[in-house]
């Protein structure tokens, strides 16, 4: 696995060791917006979950690199954030809801579905499967998250006022939960999703 955050790399390494699989895994400090630090035709398979919306800057470059490091016949599985066809960028309410969802979910940019499919095609992948895996459930999941995090935020803010927890921790939770209702509405109204599942394959030639 790769990550740009050394703390997360350390946590992953420690968890793998504690789980008895440390010898089978390796975690490397690397940025997937740059050339991947692996040789051509190296991996049998690749996967990522919901990272492009947060940090991906060039879909075509990224997928070409993924194609390069896969062995012939290798497969890659992705799960992504996208804006859906119902989203209308000229609608102020749509923009408000989607902007709130970015702040709550940590999404820097929502790509359109065609931007993904064009980038995959240009990289040379054959798309075997691409579907929105949670047509209705995602809003319900976010509602359950709200039921946990909003009360937690109020408790932490109260503890911060007593000097029990640091202010930056309370501020972090406040930023994370501000706009939660708008985020849920963005998903309920099918303006965005974070659950586009894709399976692609590199040609065997």
Protein backbone atom coordinates (compact mmCIF):
# COMPACT_ATOMS: atom_id res chain seq x y z
CA UNK A 1 0.00 0.00 0.00
CA UNK A 2 1.05 3.61 -0.51
CA UNK A 3 0.28 6.74 1.46
CA UNK A 4 1.72 10.23 1.84
CA UNK A 5 1.07 10.30 5.60
CA UNK A 6 3.77 8.73 7.75
CA UNK A 7 1.45 8.33 10.73
CA UNK A 8 -0.98 6.29 8.64
CA UNK A 9 1.88 4.22 7.25
CA UNK A 10 3.07 3.51 10.78
CA UNK A 11 -0.45 2.57 11.90
CA UNK A 12 -0.89 0.25 8.92
CA UNK A 13 2.46 -1.43 9.56
CA UNK A 14 1.68 -1.92 13.25
CA UNK A 15 -1.80 -3.27 12.53
CA UNK A 16 -0.47 -5.72 9.94
CA UNK A 17 2.17 -6.97 12.38
CA UNK A 18 -0.38 -7.35 15.19
CA UNK A 19 -2.65 -9.28 12.81
CA UNK A 20 0.11 -11.71 11.90
CA UNK A 21 0.32 -10.67 8.24
CA UNK A 22 3.14 -8.13 8.44
CA UNK A 23 5.52 -10.29 6.38
CA UNK A 24 3.02 -10.41 3.51
CA UNK A 25 2.44 -6.66 3.30
CA UNK A 26 4.51 -3.57 2.60
CA UNK A 27 3.54 0.07 3.07
CA UNK A 28 5.46 2.73 1.15
CA UNK A 29 5.51 6.52 1.38
CA UNK A 30 4.46 7.67 -2.08
CA UNK A 31 2.08 10.07 -3.83
CA UNK A 32 -0.14 8.59 -6.53
CA UNK A 33 -0.31 11.96 -8.28
CA UNK A 34 3.34 11.32 -9.18
CA UNK A 35 4.84 8.35 -11.08
CA UNK A 36 4.30 5.22 -9.01
CA UNK A 37 7.51 3.78 -7.51
CA UNK A 38 7.06 0.36 -9.09
CA UNK A 39 8.33 -1.29 -12.28
CA UNK A 40 6.19 -2.08 -15.31
CA UNK A 41 3.96 -5.18 -15.18
CA UNK A 42 4.49 -5.59 -11.43
CA UNK A 43 1.10 -6.25 -9.77
CA UNK A 44 -1.62 -8.85 -10.27
CA UNK A 45 -4.24 -6.43 -8.96
CA UNK A 46 -4.74 -2.92 -7.59
CA UNK A 47 -7.48 -1.23 -5.61
CA UNK A 48 -8.38 2.02 -3.91
CA UNK A 49 -11.44 3.29 -2.05
CA UNK A 50 -12.68 6.90 -2.26
CA UNK A 51 -9.37 8.64 -2.67
CA UNK A 52 -9.62 10.38 -6.05
CA UNK A 53 -12.19 12.96 -4.93
CA UNK A 54 -9.99 13.89 -2.04
CA UNK A 55 -6.56 14.01 -3.60
CA UNK A 56 -6.50 12.98 -7.27
CA UNK A 57 -5.44 15.75 -9.60
CA UNK A 58 -5.09 14.11 -13.02
CA UNK A 59 -7.27 11.10 -13.72
CA UNK A 60 -5.68 10.27 -17.06
CA UNK A 61 -2.17 10.35 -15.63
CA UNK A 62 -3.17 8.27 -12.61
CA UNK A 63 -4.94 5.55 -14.59
CA UNK A 64 -2.10 5.33 -17.10
CA UNK A 65 0.26 4.70 -14.20
CA UNK A 66 -2.09 2.06 -12.79
CA UNK A 67 -2.17 0.40 -16.22
CA UNK A 68 1.62 0.49 -16.46
CA UNK A 69 2.29 -1.27 -13.15
CA UNK A 70 -0.35 -3.98 -13.68
CA UNK A 71 0.66 -7.28 -15.24
CA UNK A 72 -1.05 -8.23 -18.52
CA UNK A 73 -4.49 -9.54 -17.62
CA UNK A 74 -4.30 -7.82 -14.22
CA UNK A 75 -7.35 -6.17 -12.73
CA UNK A 76 -8.01 -2.99 -10.74
CA UNK A 77 -10.98 -2.21 -8.51
CA UNK A 78 -11.95 1.35 -7.58
CA UNK A 79 -14.64 3.10 -5.54
CA UNK A 80 -15.12 6.78 -6.29
CA UNK A 81 -17.01 9.99 -5.56
CA UNK A 82 -18.79 11.55 -8.55
CA UNK A 83 -21.51 14.09 -9.27
CA UNK A 84 -24.58 12.42 -10.74
CA UNK A 85 -26.64 13.45 -13.78
CA UNK A 86 -29.31 15.15 -11.62
CA UNK A 87 -26.76 17.74 -10.46
CA UNK A 88 -27.25 21.13 -12.12
CA UNK A 89 -24.31 23.45 -11.61
CA UNK A 90 -26.46 26.49 -12.44
CA UNK A 91 -28.82 25.70 -9.55
CA UNK A 92 -27.69 27.60 -6.41
CA UNK A 93 -29.31 25.06 -4.10
CA UNK A 94 -27.53 22.18 -5.82
CA UNK A 95 -24.22 23.98 -5.49
CA UNK A 96 -24.89 24.64 -1.78
CA UNK A 97 -25.70 20.99 -1.05
CA UNK A 98 -22.74 19.65 -2.98
CA UNK A 99 -20.36 22.14 -1.38
CA UNK A 100 -21.57 21.04 2.06
CA UNK A 101 -21.00 17.40 1.15
CA UNK A 102 -17.42 18.22 0.16
CA UNK A 103 -16.74 19.79 3.55
CA UNK A 104 -18.33 16.95 5.53
CA UNK A 105 -16.78 14.10 3.53
CA UNK A 106 -13.39 15.67 2.83
CA UNK A 107 -13.89 15.75 -0.94
CA UNK A 108 -11.83 18.34 -2.78
CA UNK A 109 -13.40 17.78 -6.18
CA UNK A 110 -16.27 15.70 -7.58
CA UNK A 111 -15.56 14.46 -11.09
CA UNK A 112 -18.26 13.69 -13.62
CA UNK A 113 -18.73 10.06 -14.58
CA UNK A 114 -17.60 10.68 -18.16
CA UNK A 115 -14.31 12.10 -16.91
CA UNK A 116 -13.62 8.76 -15.21
CA UNK A 117 -14.71 6.58 -18.12
CA UNK A 118 -12.75 8.64 -20.66
CA UNK A 119 -9.61 8.43 -18.50
CA UNK A 120 -9.97 4.66 -18.08
CA UNK A 121 -10.45 4.18 -21.83
CA UNK A 122 -7.48 6.38 -22.69
CA UNK A 123 -5.28 4.44 -20.25
CA UNK A 124 -6.11 1.24 -22.14
CA UNK A 125 -8.38 -0.47 -19.62
CA UNK A 126 -11.36 -2.64 -20.45
CA UNK A 127 -14.20 -1.84 -18.06
CA UNK A 128 -15.78 -5.04 -16.76
CA UNK A 129 -18.13 -3.51 -14.20
CA UNK A 130 -19.16 0.03 -13.26
CA UNK A 131 -22.23 0.74 -11.13
CA UNK A 132 -23.56 2.97 -8.37
CA UNK A 133 -23.59 0.41 -5.58
CA UNK A 134 -25.76 2.36 -3.12
CA UNK A 135 -28.58 4.05 -4.97
CA UNK A 136 -30.55 4.85 -1.80
CA UNK A 137 -28.64 3.47 1.17
CA UNK A 138 -25.92 6.12 1.34
CA UNK A 139 -28.22 8.84 2.69
CA UNK A 140 -29.44 6.42 5.35
CA UNK A 141 -25.86 5.60 6.36
CA UNK A 142 -25.08 9.30 6.65
CA UNK A 143 -28.17 9.79 8.81
CA UNK A 144 -26.89 7.14 11.22
CA UNK A 145 -23.50 8.85 11.26
CA UNK A 146 -25.25 12.13 12.12
CA UNK A 147 -26.99 10.49 15.08
CA UNK A 148 -23.57 9.61 16.47
CA UNK A 149 -21.40 12.59 15.56
CA UNK A 150 -23.71 15.52 16.32
CA UNK A 151 -24.25 14.54 19.98
CA UNK A 152 -20.55 13.75 20.25
CA UNK A 153 -19.71 17.21 18.90
CA UNK A 154 -21.94 18.85 21.52
CA UNK A 155 -20.36 16.84 24.33
CA UNK A 156 -16.82 17.61 23.15
CA UNK A 157 -17.63 21.33 22.80
CA UNK A 158 -18.96 21.32 26.37
CA UNK A 159 -15.83 19.51 27.61
CA UNK A 160 -13.70 22.04 25.75
CA UNK A 161 -15.52 24.89 27.51
CA UNK A 162 -14.49 23.25 30.81
CA UNK A 163 -10.90 22.95 29.65
CA UNK A 164 -11.00 19.14 29.59
CA UNK A 165 -10.22 18.72 25.86
CA UNK A 166 -8.18 21.04 23.61
CA UNK A 167 -9.97 23.65 21.51
CA UNK A 168 -8.56 22.37 18.22
CA UNK A 169 -10.24 19.00 18.81
CA UNK A 170 -13.64 20.61 19.37
CA UNK A 171 -13.10 22.85 16.33
CA UNK A 172 -12.27 19.82 14.20
CA UNK A 173 -15.50 18.05 15.11
CA UNK A 174 -17.50 21.24 14.53
CA UNK A 175 -16.02 21.61 11.03
CA UNK A 176 -16.71 17.94 10.29
CA UNK A 177 -20.38 18.15 11.26
CA UNK A 178 -21.27 21.60 9.94
CA UNK A 179 -23.50 21.15 6.90
CA UNK A 180 -24.38 17.54 7.74
CA UNK A 181 -28.06 17.95 6.79
CA UNK A 182 -27.12 19.49 3.43
CA UNK A 183 -24.69 16.64 2.82
CA UNK A 184 -27.44 14.10 3.48
CA UNK A 185 -29.82 15.97 1.16
CA UNK A 186 -27.19 15.96 -1.60
CA UNK A 187 -27.13 12.17 -1.42
CA UNK A 188 -30.87 11.72 -0.89
CA UNK A 189 -31.58 13.84 -3.98
CA UNK A 190 -29.03 11.85 -5.99
CA UNK A 191 -26.75 14.80 -6.75
CA UNK A 192 -23.58 12.99 -5.65
CA UNK A 193 -22.43 9.55 -4.61
CA UNK A 194 -19.32 8.10 -3.04
CA UNK A 195 -20.06 4.58 -4.11
CA UNK A 196 -19.34 4.19 -7.81
CA UNK A 197 -17.77 0.74 -8.07
CA UNK A 198 -15.48 -0.02 -11.00
CA UNK A 199 -13.64 -3.16 -12.07
CA UNK A 200 -11.24 -2.87 -15.02
CA UNK A 201 -8.76 -5.17 -16.68
CA UNK A 202 -5.49 -4.69 -18.54
CA UNK A 203 -5.26 -6.51 -21.84
CA UNK A 204 -3.33 -9.79 -21.91
CA UNK A 205 -1.35 -8.96 -25.05
